[in-house]
Amino acid sequence: MKIQVLAALLLAATILPAAAQSGPTLQEQMACRGDASKFCAEHVGKPPQMNACLRENKTKLSDACRKVVESHGG
C-alpha cells in the first residue's frame, strides 16, 4: 500500500511540472494581454481558441506577444 502511494506521488511530481510548462507563464500572458483583448476578445477563457486566434493574427501583434506566440510553436 505504501509503495503504491509513493509511486503515485512520484508520478504526479513528474507530470505536474510538465503540464505547467505547456501553458503560458504569467509574464507571457501579460505580454499578450492587450493584443488578446484587441484581436481575440471573444476567445477569453478558451485557451485553445485564444492560441489559434493569436497565431492567426501574429503579424498584427506587438513584438513581445509575437515572441511569446512563436516560442509556443506559432
PDB file of N, CA and C in Angstrom:
ATOM      1  N   MET A   1       0.826  -1.195   0.000  1.00  0.00           N
ATOM      2  CA  MET A   1       0.000   0.000   0.000  1.00  0.00           C
ATOM      3  C   MET A   1       0.864   1.250   0.000  1.00  0.00           C
ATOM      4  N   LYS A   2       1.876   1.304   0.890  1.00  0.00           N
ATOM      5  CA  LYS A   2       2.748   2.474   0.959  1.00  0.00           C
ATOM      6  C   LYS A   2       3.532   2.655  -0.330  1.00  0.00           C
ATOM      7  N   ILE A   3       3.913   1.555  -0.954  1.00  0.00           N
ATOM      8  CA  ILE A   3       4.667   1.623  -2.204  1.00  0.00           C
ATOM      9  C   ILE A   3       3.799   2.221  -3.308  1.00  0.00           C
ATOM     10  N   GLN A   4       2.523   1.853  -3.343  1.00  0.00           N
ATOM     11  CA  GLN A   4       1.619   2.386  -4.356  1.00  0.00           C
ATOM     12  C   GLN A   4       1.425   3.890  -4.175  1.00  0.00           C
ATOM     13  N   VAL A   5       1.301   4.334  -2.941  1.00  0.00           N
ATOM     14  CA  VAL A   5       1.139   5.759  -2.664  1.00  0.00           C
ATOM     15  C   VAL A   5       2.402   6.511  -3.067  1.00  0.00           C
ATOM     16  N   LEU A   6       3.551   5.976  -2.719  1.00  0.00           N
ATOM     17  CA  LEU A   6       4.823   6.596  -3.074  1.00  0.00           C
ATOM     18  C   LEU A   6       4.980   6.662  -4.593  1.00  0.00           C
ATOM     19  N   ALA A   7       4.627   5.590  -5.267  1.00  0.00           N
ATOM     20  CA  ALA A   7       4.723   5.564  -6.729  1.00  0.00           C
ATOM     21  C   ALA A   7       3.796   6.609  -7.355  1.00  0.00           C
ATOM     22  N   ALA A   8       2.595   6.751  -6.821  1.00  0.00           N
ATOM     23  CA  ALA A   8       1.648   7.748  -7.326  1.00  0.00           C
ATOM     24  C   ALA A   8       2.172   9.166  -7.105  1.00  0.00           C
ATOM     25  N   LEU A   9       2.773   9.406  -5.953  1.00  0.00           N
ATOM     26  CA  LEU A   9       3.334  10.730  -5.679  1.00  0.00           C
ATOM     27  C   LEU A   9       4.493  11.052  -6.615  1.00  0.00           C
ATOM     28  N   LEU A  10       5.354  10.081  -6.855  1.00  0.00           N
ATOM     29  CA  LEU A  10       6.476  10.294  -7.766  1.00  0.00           C
ATOM     30  C   LEU A  10       5.986  10.552  -9.187  1.00  0.00           C
ATOM     31  N   LEU A  11       4.978   9.846  -9.611  1.00  0.00           N
ATOM     32  CA  LEU A  11       4.410  10.049 -10.936  1.00  0.00           C
ATOM     33  C   LEU A  11       3.808  11.446 -11.050  1.00  0.00           C
ATOM     34  N   ALA A  12       3.063  11.858 -10.049  1.00  0.00           N
ATOM     35  CA  ALA A  12       2.467  13.198 -10.054  1.00  0.00           C
ATOM     36  C   ALA A  12       3.540  14.277 -10.067  1.00  0.00           C
ATOM     37  N   ALA A  13       4.621  14.056  -9.360  1.00  0.00           N
ATOM     38  CA  ALA A  13       5.703  15.039  -9.297  1.00  0.00           C
ATOM     39  C   ALA A  13       6.382  15.217 -10.651  1.00  0.00           C
ATOM     40  N   THR A  14       6.367  14.198 -11.487  1.00  0.00           N
ATOM     41  CA  THR A  14       6.983  14.324 -12.808  1.00  0.00           C
ATOM     42  C   THR A  14       6.005  14.859 -13.841  1.00  0.00           C
ATOM     43  N   ILE A  15       4.727  14.571 -13.694  1.00  0.00           N
ATOM     44  CA  ILE A  15       3.731  15.019 -14.663  1.00  0.00           C
ATOM     45  C   ILE A  15       3.352  16.480 -14.450  1.00  0.00           C
ATOM     46  N   LEU A  16       3.142  16.899 -13.228  1.00  0.00           N
ATOM     47  CA  LEU A  16       2.655  18.257 -12.969  1.00  0.00           C
ATOM     48  C   LEU A  16       3.577  19.353 -13.483  1.00  0.00           C
ATOM     49  N   PRO A  17       4.885  19.290 -13.284  1.00  0.00           N
ATOM     50  CA  PRO A  17       5.727  20.342 -13.848  1.00  0.00           C
ATOM     51  C   PRO A  17       5.663  20.393 -15.369  1.00  0.00           C
ATOM     52  N   ALA A  18       5.574  19.248 -16.017  1.00  0.00           N
ATOM     53  CA  ALA A  18       5.482  19.231 -17.476  1.00  0.00           C
ATOM     54  C   ALA A  18       4.182  19.869 -17.935  1.00  0.00           C
ATOM     55  N   ALA A  19       3.098  19.611 -17.246  1.00  0.00           N
ATOM     56  CA  ALA A  19       1.816  20.205 -17.607  1.00  0.00           C
ATOM     57  C   ALA A  19       1.835  21.707 -17.386  1.00  0.00           C
ATOM     58  N   ALA A  20       2.467  22.136 -16.328  1.00  0.00           N
ATOM     59  CA  ALA A  20       2.529  23.562 -16.033  1.00  0.00           C
ATOM     60  C   ALA A  20       3.347  24.304 -17.080  1.00  0.00           C
ATOM     61  N   GLN A  21       4.364  23.671 -17.648  1.00  0.00           N
ATOM     62  CA  GLN A  21       5.205  24.322 -18.629  1.00  0.00           C
ATOM     63  C   GLN A  21       4.528  24.452 -19.979  1.00  0.00           C
ATOM     64  N   SER A  22       3.495  23.679 -20.257  1.00  0.00           N
ATOM     65  CA  SER A  22       2.872  23.719 -21.569  1.00  0.00           C
ATOM     66  C   SER A  22       2.048  24.978 -21.791  1.00  0.00           C
ATOM     67  N   GLY A  23       1.554  25.590 -20.737  1.00  0.00           N
ATOM     68  CA  GLY A  23       0.771  26.804 -20.882  1.00  0.00           C
ATOM     69  C   GLY A  23       1.635  28.044 -20.722  1.00  0.00           C
ATOM     70  N   PRO A  24       1.084  29.200 -21.061  1.00  0.00           N
ATOM     71  CA  PRO A  24       1.863  30.433 -20.932  1.00  0.00           C
ATOM     72  C   PRO A  24       2.096  30.818 -19.473  1.00  0.00           C
ATOM     73  N   THR A  25       3.249  31.394 -19.212  1.00  0.00           N
ATOM     74  CA  THR A  25       3.541  31.889 -17.878  1.00  0.00           C
ATOM     75  C   THR A  25       2.775  33.180 -17.651  1.00  0.00           C
ATOM     76  N   LEU A  26       2.762  33.644 -16.425  1.00  0.00           N
ATOM     77  CA  LEU A  26       2.102  34.910 -16.122  1.00  0.00           C
ATOM     78  C   LEU A  26       2.752  36.042 -16.906  1.00  0.00           C
ATOM     79  N   GLN A  27       4.055  36.024 -17.017  1.00  0.00           N
ATOM     80  CA  GLN A  27       4.781  37.048 -17.767  1.00  0.00           C
ATOM     81  C   GLN A  27       4.373  37.024 -19.249  1.00  0.00           C
ATOM     82  N   GLU A  28       4.236  35.826 -19.803  1.00  0.00           N
ATOM     83  CA  GLU A  28       3.810  35.696 -21.205  1.00  0.00           C
ATOM     84  C   GLU A  28       2.377  36.174 -21.384  1.00  0.00           C
ATOM     85  N   GLN A  29       1.520  35.840 -20.428  1.00  0.00           N
ATOM     86  CA  GLN A  29       0.134  36.292 -20.504  1.00  0.00           C
ATOM     87  C   GLN A  29       0.061  37.812 -20.489  1.00  0.00           C
ATOM     88  N   MET A  30       0.880  38.431 -19.649  1.00  0.00           N
ATOM     89  CA  MET A  30       0.882  39.892 -19.566  1.00  0.00           C
ATOM     90  C   MET A  30       1.394  40.511 -20.867  1.00  0.00           C
ATOM     91  N   ALA A  31       2.351  39.862 -21.520  1.00  0.00           N
ATOM     92  CA  ALA A  31       2.884  40.368 -22.781  1.00  0.00           C
ATOM     93  C   ALA A  31       1.820  40.372 -23.874  1.00  0.00           C
ATOM     94  N   CYS A  32       0.868  39.462 -23.784  1.00  0.00           N
ATOM     95  CA  CYS A  32      -0.164  39.338 -24.820  1.00  0.00           C
ATOM     96  C   CYS A  32      -1.529  39.869 -24.387  1.00  0.00           C
ATOM     97  N   ARG A  33      -1.615  40.397 -23.201  1.00  0.00           N
ATOM     98  CA  ARG A  33      -2.922  40.804 -22.675  1.00  0.00           C
ATOM     99  C   ARG A  33      -3.625  41.816 -23.582  1.00  0.00           C
ATOM    100  N   GLY A  34      -2.924  42.865 -23.960  1.00  0.00           N
ATOM    101  CA  GLY A  34      -3.530  43.892 -24.816  1.00  0.00           C
ATOM    102  C   GLY A  34      -3.906  43.365 -26.183  1.00  0.00           C
ATOM    103  N   ASP A  35      -3.006  42.590 -26.778  1.00  0.00           N
ATOM    104  CA  ASP A  35      -3.279  42.017 -28.094  1.00  0.00           C
ATOM    105  C   ASP A  35      -4.446  41.041 -28.040  1.00  0.00           C
ATOM    106  N   ALA A  36      -4.494  40.253 -26.983  1.00  0.00           N
ATOM    107  CA  ALA A  36      -5.585  39.281 -26.846  1.00  0.00           C
ATOM    108  C   ALA A  36      -6.933  39.977 -26.762  1.00  0.00           C
ATOM    109  N   SER A  37      -6.998  41.062 -25.987  1.00  0.00           N
ATOM    110  CA  SER A  37      -8.283  41.763 -25.869  1.00  0.00           C
ATOM    111  C   SER A  37      -8.616  42.526 -27.142  1.00  0.00           C
ATOM    112  N   LYS A  38      -7.609  42.962 -27.865  1.00  0.00           N
ATOM    113  CA  LYS A  38      -7.834  43.724 -29.102  1.00  0.00           C
ATOM    114  C   LYS A  38      -8.269  42.830 -30.266  1.00  0.00           C
ATOM    115  N   PHE A  39      -7.610  41.699 -30.429  1.00  0.00           N
ATOM    116  CA  PHE A  39      -7.848  40.856 -31.601  1.00  0.00           C
ATOM    117  C   PHE A  39      -8.666  39.596 -31.328  1.00  0.00           C
ATOM    118  N   CYS A  40      -8.714  39.144 -30.072  1.00  0.00           N
ATOM    119  CA  CYS A  40      -9.290  37.825 -29.782  1.00  0.00           C
ATOM    120  C   CYS A  40     -10.207  37.831 -28.562  1.00  0.00           C
ATOM    121  N   ALA A  41     -10.860  38.940 -28.280  1.00  0.00           N
ATOM    122  CA  ALA A  41     -11.666  39.075 -27.069  1.00  0.00           C
ATOM    123  C   ALA A  41     -12.740  37.991 -26.938  1.00  0.00           C
ATOM    124  N   GLU A  42     -13.256  37.537 -28.047  1.00  0.00           N
ATOM    125  CA  GLU A  42     -14.319  36.527 -27.993  1.00  0.00           C
ATOM    126  C   GLU A  42     -13.821  35.165 -27.528  1.00  0.00           C
ATOM    127  N   HIS A  43     -12.498  35.005 -27.417  1.00  0.00           N
ATOM    128  CA  HIS A  43     -11.928  33.725 -27.013  1.00  0.00           C
ATOM    129  C   HIS A  43     -11.362  33.724 -25.596  1.00  0.00           C
ATOM    130  N   VAL A  44     -11.629  34.777 -24.831  1.00  0.00           N
ATOM    131  CA  VAL A  44     -11.151  34.833 -23.445  1.00  0.00           C
ATOM    132  C   VAL A  44     -11.762  33.670 -22.665  1.00  0.00           C
ATOM    133  N   GLY A  45     -10.927  32.950 -21.936  1.00  0.00           N
ATOM    134  CA  GLY A  45     -11.386  31.791 -21.169  1.00  0.00           C
ATOM    135  C   GLY A  45     -11.412  30.504 -21.960  1.00  0.00           C
ATOM    136  N   LYS A  46     -10.967  30.560 -23.221  1.00  0.00           N
ATOM    137  CA  LYS A  46     -10.919  29.378 -24.087  1.00  0.00           C
ATOM    138  C   LYS A  46      -9.502  29.264 -24.655  1.00  0.00           C
ATOM    139  N   PRO A  47      -8.575  28.710 -23.874  1.00  0.00           N
ATOM    140  CA  PRO A  47      -7.164  28.704 -24.293  1.00  0.00           C
ATOM    141  C   PRO A  47      -6.881  28.173 -25.699  1.00  0.00           C
ATOM    142  N   PRO A  48      -7.460  27.059 -26.137  1.00  0.00           N
ATOM    143  CA  PRO A  48      -7.125  26.590 -27.492  1.00  0.00           C
ATOM    144  C   PRO A  48      -7.542  27.591 -28.576  1.00  0.00           C
ATOM    145  N   GLN A  49      -8.736  28.164 -28.411  1.00  0.00           N
ATOM    146  CA  GLN A  49      -9.214  29.134 -29.391  1.00  0.00           C
ATOM    147  C   GLN A  49      -8.403  30.423 -29.333  1.00  0.00           C
ATOM    148  N   MET A  50      -8.036  30.851 -28.118  1.00  0.00           N
ATOM    149  CA  MET A  50      -7.223  32.052 -27.958  1.00  0.00           C
ATOM    150  C   MET A  50      -5.873  31.871 -28.635  1.00  0.00           C
ATOM    151  N   ASN A  51      -5.240  30.720 -28.402  1.00  0.00           N
ATOM    152  CA  ASN A  51      -3.942  30.453 -29.022  1.00  0.00           C
ATOM    153  C   ASN A  51      -4.039  30.464 -30.541  1.00  0.00           C
ATOM    154  N   ALA A  52      -5.083  29.850 -31.075  1.00  0.00           N
ATOM    155  CA  ALA A  52      -5.276  29.827 -32.527  1.00  0.00           C
ATOM    156  C   ALA A  52      -5.495  31.242 -33.057  1.00  0.00           C
ATOM    157  N   CYS A  53      -6.276  32.035 -32.359  1.00  0.00           N
ATOM    158  CA  CYS A  53      -6.551  33.407 -32.778  1.00  0.00           C
ATOM    159  C   CYS A  53      -5.275  34.239 -32.775  1.00  0.00           C
ATOM    160  N   LEU A  54      -4.476  34.104 -31.731  1.00  0.00           N
ATOM    161  CA  LEU A  54      -3.220  34.855 -31.672  1.00  0.00           C
ATOM    162  C   LEU A  54      -2.280  34.429 -32.799  1.00  0.00           C
ATOM    163  N   ARG A  55      -2.240  33.146 -33.112  1.00  0.00           N
ATOM    164  CA  ARG A  55      -1.409  32.677 -34.224  1.00  0.00           C
ATOM    165  C   ARG A  55      -1.896  33.270 -35.540  1.00  0.00           C
ATOM    166  N   GLU A  56      -3.221  33.302 -35.729  1.00  0.00           N
ATOM    167  CA  GLU A  56      -3.800  33.842 -36.959  1.00  0.00           C
ATOM    168  C   GLU A  56      -3.520  35.333 -37.111  1.00  0.00           C
ATOM    169  N   ASN A  57      -3.381  36.035 -36.008  1.00  0.00           N
ATOM    170  CA  ASN A  57      -3.155  37.482 -36.030  1.00  0.00           C
ATOM    171  C   ASN A  57      -1.698  37.847 -35.741  1.00  0.00           C
ATOM    172  N   LYS A  58      -0.785  36.898 -35.890  1.00  0.00           N
ATOM    173  CA  LYS A  58       0.603  37.093 -35.484  1.00  0.00           C
ATOM    174  C   LYS A  58       1.233  38.334 -36.110  1.00  0.00           C
ATOM    175  N   THR A  59       0.921  38.639 -37.347  1.00  0.00           N
ATOM    176  CA  THR A  59       1.538  39.799 -37.999  1.00  0.00           C
ATOM    177  C   THR A  59       1.071  41.120 -37.398  1.00  0.00           C
ATOM    178  N   LYS A  60      -0.047  41.115 -36.701  1.00  0.00           N
ATOM    179  CA  LYS A  60      -0.607  42.329 -36.098  1.00  0.00           C
ATOM    180  C   LYS A  60      -0.198  42.506 -34.636  1.00  0.00           C
ATOM    181  N   LEU A  61       0.422  41.489 -34.042  1.00  0.00           N
ATOM    182  CA  LEU A  61       0.722  41.504 -32.617  1.00  0.00           C
ATOM    183  C   LEU A  61       1.923  42.397 -32.291  1.00  0.00           C
ATOM    184  N   SER A  62       1.970  42.840 -31.049  1.00  0.00           N
ATOM    185  CA  SER A  62       3.140  43.562 -30.562  1.00  0.00           C
ATOM    186  C   SER A  62       4.347  42.626 -30.611  1.00  0.00           C
ATOM    187  N   ASP A  63       5.533  43.203 -30.622  1.00  0.00           N
ATOM    188  CA  ASP A  63       6.747  42.382 -30.678  1.00  0.00           C
ATOM    189  C   ASP A  63       6.811  41.391 -29.524  1.00  0.00           C
ATOM    190  N   ALA A  64       6.487  41.851 -28.319  1.00  0.00           N
ATOM    191  CA  ALA A  64       6.559  40.981 -27.141  1.00  0.00           C
ATOM    192  C   ALA A  64       5.606  39.799 -27.268  1.00  0.00           C
ATOM    193  N   CYS A  65       4.386  40.056 -27.690  1.00  0.00           N
ATOM    194  CA  CYS A  65       3.404  38.974 -27.818  1.00  0.00           C
ATOM    195  C   CYS A  65       3.768  38.051 -28.970  1.00  0.00           C
ATOM    196  N   ARG A  66       4.258  38.602 -30.064  1.00  0.00           N
ATOM    197  CA  ARG A  66       4.661  37.777 -31.201  1.00  0.00           C
ATOM    198  C   ARG A  66       5.751  36.790 -30.765  1.00  0.00           C
ATOM    199  N   LYS A  67       6.688  37.236 -29.954  1.00  0.00           N
ATOM    200  CA  LYS A  67       7.751  36.356 -29.460  1.00  0.00           C
ATOM    201  C   LYS A  67       7.169  35.237 -28.604  1.00  0.00           C
ATOM    202  N   VAL A  68       6.153  35.556 -27.799  1.00  0.00           N
ATOM    203  CA  VAL A  68       5.503  34.532 -26.975  1.00  0.00           C
ATOM    204  C   VAL A  68       4.832  33.495 -27.872  1.00  0.00           C
ATOM    205  N   VAL A  69       4.079  33.967 -28.855  1.00  0.00           N
ATOM    206  CA  VAL A  69       3.369  33.058 -29.760  1.00  0.00           C
ATOM    207  C   VAL A  69       4.372  32.158 -30.488  1.00  0.00           C
ATOM    208  N   GLU A  70       5.455  32.754 -30.979  1.00  0.00           N
ATOM    209  CA  GLU A  70       6.467  31.961 -31.685  1.00  0.00           C
ATOM    210  C   GLU A  70       7.155  30.960 -30.758  1.00  0.00           C
ATOM    211  N   SER A  71       7.357  31.331 -29.508  1.00  0.00           N
ATOM    212  CA  SER A  71       8.005  30.407 -28.581  1.00  0.00           C
ATOM    213  C   SER A  71       7.120  29.211 -28.237  1.00  0.00           C
ATOM    214  N   HIS A  72       5.829  29.338 -28.508  1.00  0.00           N
ATOM    215  CA  HIS A  72       4.893  28.247 -28.248  1.00  0.00           C
ATOM    216  C   HIS A  72       4.476  27.556 -29.557  1.00  0.00           C
ATOM    217  N   GLY A  73       5.304  27.711 -30.579  1.00  0.00           N
ATOM    218  CA  GLY A  73       5.071  26.991 -31.831  1.00  0.00           C
ATOM    219  C   GLY A  73       4.190  27.694 -32.839  1.00  0.00           C
ATOM    220  N   GLY A  74       3.901  28.967 -32.605  1.00  0.00           N
ATOM    221  CA  GLY A  74       3.018  29.697 -33.537  1.00  0.00           C
ATOM    222  C   GLY A  74       3.738  30.478 -34.572  1.00  0.00           C
TER     223      GLY A  74
END
